[in-house]
C-alpha atoms as a PDB file:
ATOM      1  CA  MET A   1      -0.048  -0.112  -0.004  1.00  0.00           C
ATOM      2  CA  LEU A   2       1.397   3.529  -0.802  1.00  0.00           C
ATOM      3  CA  LYS A   3       1.676   5.682   2.420  1.00  0.00           C
ATOM      4  CA  LYS A   4       1.221   9.277   2.062  1.00  0.00           C
ATOM      5  CA  PRO A   5       4.477  11.259   1.669  1.00  0.00           C
ATOM      6  CA  LYS A   6       6.389  13.303   4.134  1.00  0.00           C
ATOM      7  CA  SER A   7       6.837  17.243   3.189  1.00  0.00           C
ATOM      8  CA  ASN A   8      10.416  17.046   2.356  1.00  0.00           C
ATOM      9  CA  GLU A   9       9.082  14.670  -0.792  1.00  0.00           C
ATOM     10  CA  TYR A  10       7.805  17.258  -2.441  1.00  0.00           C
ATOM     11  CA  ALA A  11       7.222  21.250  -3.213  1.00  0.00           C
ATOM     12  CA  PRO A  12       4.938  23.371  -0.656  1.00  0.00           C
ATOM     13  CA  TYR A  13       2.724  24.153  -3.337  1.00  0.00           C
ATOM     14  CA  TYR A  14       1.503  20.704  -3.350  1.00  0.00           C
ATOM     15  CA  GLU A  15       0.826  20.395   0.362  1.00  0.00           C
ATOM     16  CA  LYS A  16      -2.763  21.538  -0.021  1.00  0.00           C
ATOM     17  CA  TYR A  17      -3.141  18.508  -2.838  1.00  0.00           C
ATOM     18  CA  VAL A  18      -1.245  15.880  -0.385  1.00  0.00           C
ATOM     19  CA  SER A  19      -3.593  16.863   2.612  1.00  0.00           C
ATOM     20  CA  SER A  20      -6.482  16.682   0.918  1.00  0.00           C
ATOM     21  CA  VAL A  21      -6.477  13.161  -0.106  1.00  0.00           C
ATOM     22  CA  PRO A  22      -7.662  10.784   2.691  1.00  0.00           C
ATOM     23  CA  GLU A  23      -5.902   8.044   4.854  1.00  0.00           C
ATOM     24  CA  GLY A  24      -6.253   4.213   3.129  1.00  0.00           C
ATOM     25  CA  ASP A  25      -5.078   2.644  -0.223  1.00  0.00           C
ATOM     26  CA  LEU A  26      -4.239   5.037  -2.509  1.00  0.00           C
ATOM     27  CA  LEU A  27      -5.123   2.682  -5.399  1.00  0.00           C
ATOM     28  CA  GLN A  28      -8.543   2.693  -3.849  1.00  0.00           C
ATOM     29  CA  ILE A  29      -8.741   6.049  -3.629  1.00  0.00           C
ATOM     30  CA  LEU A  30      -7.975   7.029  -6.848  1.00  0.00           C
ATOM     31  CA  ASP A  31     -10.478   4.440  -8.648  1.00  0.00           C
ATOM     32  CA  GLU A  32     -13.449   5.457  -6.490  1.00  0.00           C
ATOM     33  CA  GLN A  33     -12.544   9.023  -6.686  1.00  0.00           C
ATOM     34  CA  ILE A  34     -12.752   9.018 -10.555  1.00  0.00           C
ATOM     35  CA  LYS A  35     -15.666   7.438 -10.752  1.00  0.00           C
ATOM     36  CA  GLU A  36     -17.299  10.295  -8.132  1.00  0.00           C
ATOM     37  CA  THR A  37     -16.045  12.938 -10.447  1.00  0.00           C
ATOM     38  CA  MET A  38     -16.913  11.424 -13.525  1.00  0.00           C
ATOM     39  CA  ASN A  39     -20.639  11.330 -11.738  1.00  0.00           C
ATOM     40  CA  LEU A  40     -20.493  14.623 -10.869  1.00  0.00           C
ATOM     41  CA  VAL A  41     -20.317  16.009 -14.401  1.00  0.00           C
ATOM     42  CA  LYS A  42     -21.312  12.708 -16.633  1.00  0.00           C
ATOM     43  CA  ASP A  43     -25.174  14.283 -17.135  1.00  0.00           C
ATOM     44  CA  LEU A  44     -24.646  18.187 -17.463  1.00  0.00           C
ATOM     45  CA  LYS A  45     -26.505  19.743 -20.163  1.00  0.00           C
ATOM     46  CA  GLU A  46     -24.245  21.195 -22.411  1.00  0.00           C
ATOM     47  CA  ASP A  47     -24.908  24.905 -21.169  1.00  0.00           C
ATOM     48  CA  GLN A  48     -23.887  24.028 -17.985  1.00  0.00           C
ATOM     49  CA  ALA A  49     -20.711  22.292 -19.251  1.00  0.00           C
ATOM     50  CA  GLN A  50     -19.983  25.546 -21.088  1.00  0.00           C
ATOM     51  CA  PHE A  51     -20.763  27.505 -17.643  1.00  0.00           C
ATOM     52  CA  ARG A  52     -17.884  29.526 -16.122  1.00  0.00           C
ATOM     53  CA  TYR A  53     -18.392  30.906 -12.684  1.00  0.00           C
ATOM     54  CA  ALA A  54     -16.541  34.579 -13.174  1.00  0.00           C
ATOM     55  CA  PRO A  55     -15.272  36.297 -16.710  1.00  0.00           C
ATOM     56  CA  GLY A  56     -12.177  34.599 -17.013  1.00  0.00           C
ATOM     57  CA  LYS A  57     -12.527  31.267 -15.366  1.00  0.00           C
ATOM     58  CA  TRP A  58     -12.610  28.185 -17.161  1.00  0.00           C
ATOM     59  CA  THR A  59     -15.765  26.488 -18.622  1.00  0.00           C
ATOM     60  CA  VAL A  60     -16.980  22.600 -16.552  1.00  0.00           C
ATOM     61  CA  LYS A  61     -15.268  21.116 -19.898  1.00  0.00           C
ATOM     62  CA  GLU A  62     -12.232  22.999 -18.942  1.00  0.00           C
ATOM     63  CA  VAL A  63     -11.955  22.039 -15.880  1.00  0.00           C
ATOM     64  CA  ILE A  64     -12.310  18.641 -16.640  1.00  0.00           C
ATOM     65  CA  GLY A  65      -9.917  18.914 -19.157  1.00  0.00           C
ATOM     66  CA  HIS A  66      -7.092  20.514 -17.537  1.00  0.00           C
ATOM     67  CA  ILE A  67      -7.511  17.701 -14.815  1.00  0.00           C
ATOM     68  CA  THR A  68      -6.888  15.065 -17.566  1.00  0.00           C
ATOM     69  CA  ASP A  69      -4.200  17.014 -18.819  1.00  0.00           C
ATOM     70  CA  THR A  70      -2.217  17.331 -15.245  1.00  0.00           C
ATOM     71  CA  GLU A  71      -2.947  14.234 -14.790  1.00  0.00           C
ATOM     72  CA  ARG A  72      -0.999  13.077 -17.966  1.00  0.00           C
ATOM     73  CA  ILE A  73       1.723  14.979 -16.853  1.00  0.00           C
ATOM     74  CA  MET A  74       2.187  14.050 -13.752  1.00  0.00           C
ATOM     75  CA  SER A  75       2.000  10.341 -14.688  1.00  0.00           C
ATOM     76  CA  TYR A  76       5.154  10.633 -17.292  1.00  0.00           C
ATOM     77  CA  ARG A  77       6.872  12.291 -14.525  1.00  0.00           C
ATOM     78  CA  LEU A  78       5.938   9.456 -12.286  1.00  0.00           C
ATOM     79  CA  LEU A  79       7.183   7.101 -15.179  1.00  0.00           C
ATOM     80  CA  CYS A  80      10.736   8.284 -15.249  1.00  0.00           C
ATOM     81  CA  ILE A  81      11.176   9.216 -12.103  1.00  0.00           C
ATOM     82  CA  GLY A  82       9.913   5.563 -10.848  1.00  0.00           C
ATOM     83  CA  ARG A  83      12.376   4.319 -13.653  1.00  0.00           C
ATOM     84  CA  GLY A  84      15.222   6.043 -12.448  1.00  0.00           C
ATOM     85  CA  ASP A  85      15.609   8.437 -15.404  1.00  0.00           C
ATOM     86  CA  LEU A  86      17.996  11.441 -13.822  1.00  0.00           C
ATOM     87  CA  ALA A  87      16.580  14.230 -16.424  1.00  0.00           C
ATOM     88  CA  LYS A  88      15.084  17.561 -15.198  1.00  0.00           C
ATOM     89  CA  LEU A  89      11.742  17.316 -16.316  1.00  0.00           C
ATOM     90  CA  PRO A  90       9.800  20.517 -17.311  1.00  0.00           C
ATOM     91  CA  GLY A  91       7.383  22.624 -15.681  1.00  0.00           C
ATOM     92  CA  TYR A  92       4.249  23.814 -17.738  1.00  0.00           C
ATOM     93  CA  ASP A  93       1.331  26.284 -18.386  1.00  0.00           C
ATOM     94  CA  ASP A  94      -1.878  25.008 -17.438  1.00  0.00           C
ATOM     95  CA  ASN A  95      -3.318  28.083 -19.190  1.00  0.00           C
ATOM     96  CA  GLU A  96      -1.591  27.290 -22.200  1.00  0.00           C
ATOM     97  CA  TYR A  97      -2.763  23.540 -22.460  1.00  0.00           C
ATOM     98  CA  VAL A  98      -6.336  24.725 -21.800  1.00  0.00           C
ATOM     99  CA  LYS A  99      -6.481  27.181 -24.171  1.00  0.00           C
ATOM    100  CA  ASN A 100      -5.099  24.827 -27.169  1.00  0.00           C
ATOM    101  CA  GLY A 101      -6.723  21.824 -25.664  1.00  0.00           C
ATOM    102  CA  GLN A 102     -10.085  23.348 -27.487  1.00  0.00           C
ATOM    103  CA  PHE A 103     -11.942  21.097 -24.682  1.00  0.00           C
ATOM    104  CA  ASN A 104     -15.348  23.358 -25.607  1.00  0.00           C
ATOM    105  CA  ARG A 105     -15.398  21.479 -28.737  1.00  0.00           C
ATOM    106  CA  PHE A 106     -15.870  17.986 -27.301  1.00  0.00           C
ATOM    107  CA  SER A 107     -19.240  16.901 -25.523  1.00  0.00           C
ATOM    108  CA  ILE A 108     -18.559  16.120 -21.572  1.00  0.00           C
ATOM    109  CA  ARG A 109     -19.276  12.800 -22.163  1.00  0.00           C
ATOM    110  CA  GLU A 110     -16.061  12.524 -24.105  1.00  0.00           C
ATOM    111  CA  LEU A 111     -13.905  14.441 -22.028  1.00  0.00           C
ATOM    112  CA  VAL A 112     -14.950  12.056 -18.843  1.00  0.00           C
ATOM    113  CA  GLU A 113     -13.822   9.028 -21.075  1.00  0.00           C
ATOM    114  CA  GLN A 114     -10.868  10.626 -21.645  1.00  0.00           C
ATOM    115  CA  LEU A 115      -9.895  11.083 -18.203  1.00  0.00           C
ATOM    116  CA  SER A 116     -11.191   7.732 -17.169  1.00  0.00           C
ATOM    117  CA  TYR A 117      -9.253   6.097 -19.570  1.00  0.00           C
ATOM    118  CA  VAL A 118      -5.891   8.202 -18.221  1.00  0.00           C
ATOM    119  CA  ARG A 119      -6.790   7.568 -14.824  1.00  0.00           C
ATOM    120  CA  GLN A 120      -6.842   3.646 -15.479  1.00  0.00           C
ATOM    121  CA  ASN A 121      -3.434   3.713 -17.091  1.00  0.00           C
ATOM    122  CA  THR A 122      -2.275   5.578 -13.778  1.00  0.00           C
ATOM    123  CA  ILE A 123      -3.149   2.861 -11.451  1.00  0.00           C
ATOM    124  CA  ALA A 124      -1.886   0.192 -14.198  1.00  0.00           C
ATOM    125  CA  LEU A 125       1.612   2.245 -13.827  1.00  0.00           C
ATOM    126  CA  LEU A 126       1.474   2.515  -9.994  1.00  0.00           C
ATOM    127  CA  LYS A 127       0.721  -1.150  -9.932  1.00  0.00           C
ATOM    128  CA  SER A 128       3.769  -1.918 -11.933  1.00  0.00           C
ATOM    129  CA  LEU A 129       5.969  -0.023  -9.361  1.00  0.00           C
ATOM    130  CA  ASP A 130       7.954  -1.470  -6.290  1.00  0.00           C
ATOM    131  CA  ASP A 131       8.849   0.185  -2.781  1.00  0.00           C
ATOM    132  CA  GLU A 132      12.032   0.979  -3.927  1.00  0.00           C
ATOM    133  CA  SER A 133      10.910   2.636  -7.493  1.00  0.00           C
ATOM    134  CA  LEU A 134       8.173   4.739  -5.344  1.00  0.00           C
ATOM    135  CA  LEU A 135      10.493   6.418  -2.983  1.00  0.00           C
ATOM    136  CA  ARG A 136      12.774   7.309  -5.890  1.00  0.00           C
ATOM    137  CA  ARG A 137      13.418  11.106  -6.177  1.00  0.00           C
ATOM    138  CA  GLY A 138      13.786  13.036  -9.338  1.00  0.00           C
ATOM    139  CA  ASN A 139      13.255  16.695 -10.628  1.00  0.00           C
ATOM    140  CA  ALA A 140       9.802  18.272 -12.033  1.00  0.00           C
ATOM    141  CA  ASN A 141       9.394  21.577 -12.788  1.00  0.00           C
ATOM    142  CA  GLY A 142      13.021  23.082 -10.642  1.00  0.00           C
ATOM    143  CA  THR A 143      11.844  20.828  -7.818  1.00  0.00           C
ATOM    144  CA  GLU A 144      12.909  17.088  -6.037  1.00  0.00           C
ATOM    145  CA  VAL A 145       9.787  15.377  -5.722  1.00  0.00           C
ATOM    146  CA  THR A 146       9.563  11.580  -5.322  1.00  0.00           C
ATOM    147  CA  VAL A 147       7.167   8.921  -7.169  1.00  0.00           C
ATOM    148  CA  ARG A 148       4.727   8.578  -4.222  1.00  0.00           C
ATOM    149  CA  ALA A 149       4.134  12.049  -3.961  1.00  0.00           C
ATOM    150  CA  ILE A 150       3.733  12.572  -7.548  1.00  0.00           C
ATOM    151  CA  ALA A 151       0.923   9.439  -6.720  1.00  0.00           C
ATOM    152  CA  TYR A 152      -0.628  11.467  -3.960  1.00  0.00           C
ATOM    153  CA  ILE A 153      -0.780  15.041  -6.111  1.00  0.00           C
ATOM    154  CA  ILE A 154      -2.628  13.242  -8.713  1.00  0.00           C
ATOM    155  CA  ALA A 155      -5.151  12.324  -6.533  1.00  0.00           C
ATOM    156  CA  GLY A 156      -5.399  15.809  -4.268  1.00  0.00           C
ATOM    157  CA  HIS A 157      -5.483  17.399  -7.737  1.00  0.00           C
ATOM    158  CA  GLU A 158      -8.384  15.736  -9.266  1.00  0.00           C
ATOM    159  CA  LEU A 159     -10.056  16.274  -5.857  1.00  0.00           C
ATOM    160  CA  HIS A 160      -9.374  20.011  -5.315  1.00  0.00           C
ATOM    161  CA  HIS A 161     -11.100  20.424  -8.757  1.00  0.00           C
ATOM    162  CA  ARG A 162     -14.144  18.265  -8.189  1.00  0.00           C
ATOM    163  CA  THR A 163     -14.878  20.459  -4.807  1.00  0.00           C
ATOM    164  CA  LEU A 164     -14.531  24.011  -7.201  1.00  0.00           C
ATOM    165  CA  ILE A 165     -17.006  22.146  -9.641  1.00  0.00           C
ATOM    166  CA  LYS A 166     -19.513  21.673  -6.642  1.00  0.00           C
ATOM    167  CA  ASP A 167     -18.636  24.703  -4.729  1.00  0.00           C
ATOM    168  CA  ARG A 168     -18.367  27.699  -7.577  1.00  0.00           C
ATOM    169  CA  TYR A 169     -19.501  25.898 -10.453  1.00  0.00           C
ATOM    170  CA  MET A 170     -22.526  23.876  -9.392  1.00  0.00           C
ATOM    171  CA  ALA A 171     -23.749  26.208  -6.663  1.00  0.00           C
ATOM    172  CA  ALA A 172     -23.520  28.919  -8.783  1.00  0.00           C
ATOM    173  CA  GLU A 173     -27.337  30.520  -9.197  1.00  0.00           C
ATOM    174  CA  SER A 174     -27.038  30.948 -12.918  1.00  0.00           C
ATOM    175  CA  PHE A 175     -25.467  27.374 -13.134  1.00  0.00           C
ATOM    176  CA  GLY A 176     -28.856  26.770 -13.753  1.00  0.00           C
ATOM    177  CA  GLY A 177     -30.773  23.279 -12.881  1.00  0.00           C
ATOM    178  CA  THR A 178     -30.025  20.599 -10.180  1.00  0.00           C
ATOM    179  CA  TYR A 179     -26.995  18.181  -9.801  1.00  0.00           C
END
């Protein structure tokens, strides 16, 4: 079972993500939480999926696309570091990825399906790593991080954005309908 990383295994910025992940079997948590996120958004009407809670904020579709792209990047980092690659891995500009991802042209179901596939691959990759690999350290975005910390960051990042979808999007008066 993956254990929560210590605070010296990731940059302070990621503390909000790591600390939000509940105790328990991380692989099971990753599997269950993707189902919760999918159930939350998969049946949204098009106007709801295109909703922005404030000017300049992402749509719900863009948030789902962002979660997916971030998990892709984090899984790549997890793979590289887990396999002993010593290269410094680059950061990325999430706003540029969202802008160029053009997520609003997809249905919410298509986006949720992509997220599901990415999560399945993340879980399969984590299952392939032994304890020694999970503790390996590498450099991503200019900071040192362990493989297990990346796994927890992935879980916490999704949870963070699911909470935002509920609290800022679906709770907005102008969102429309019930969820």
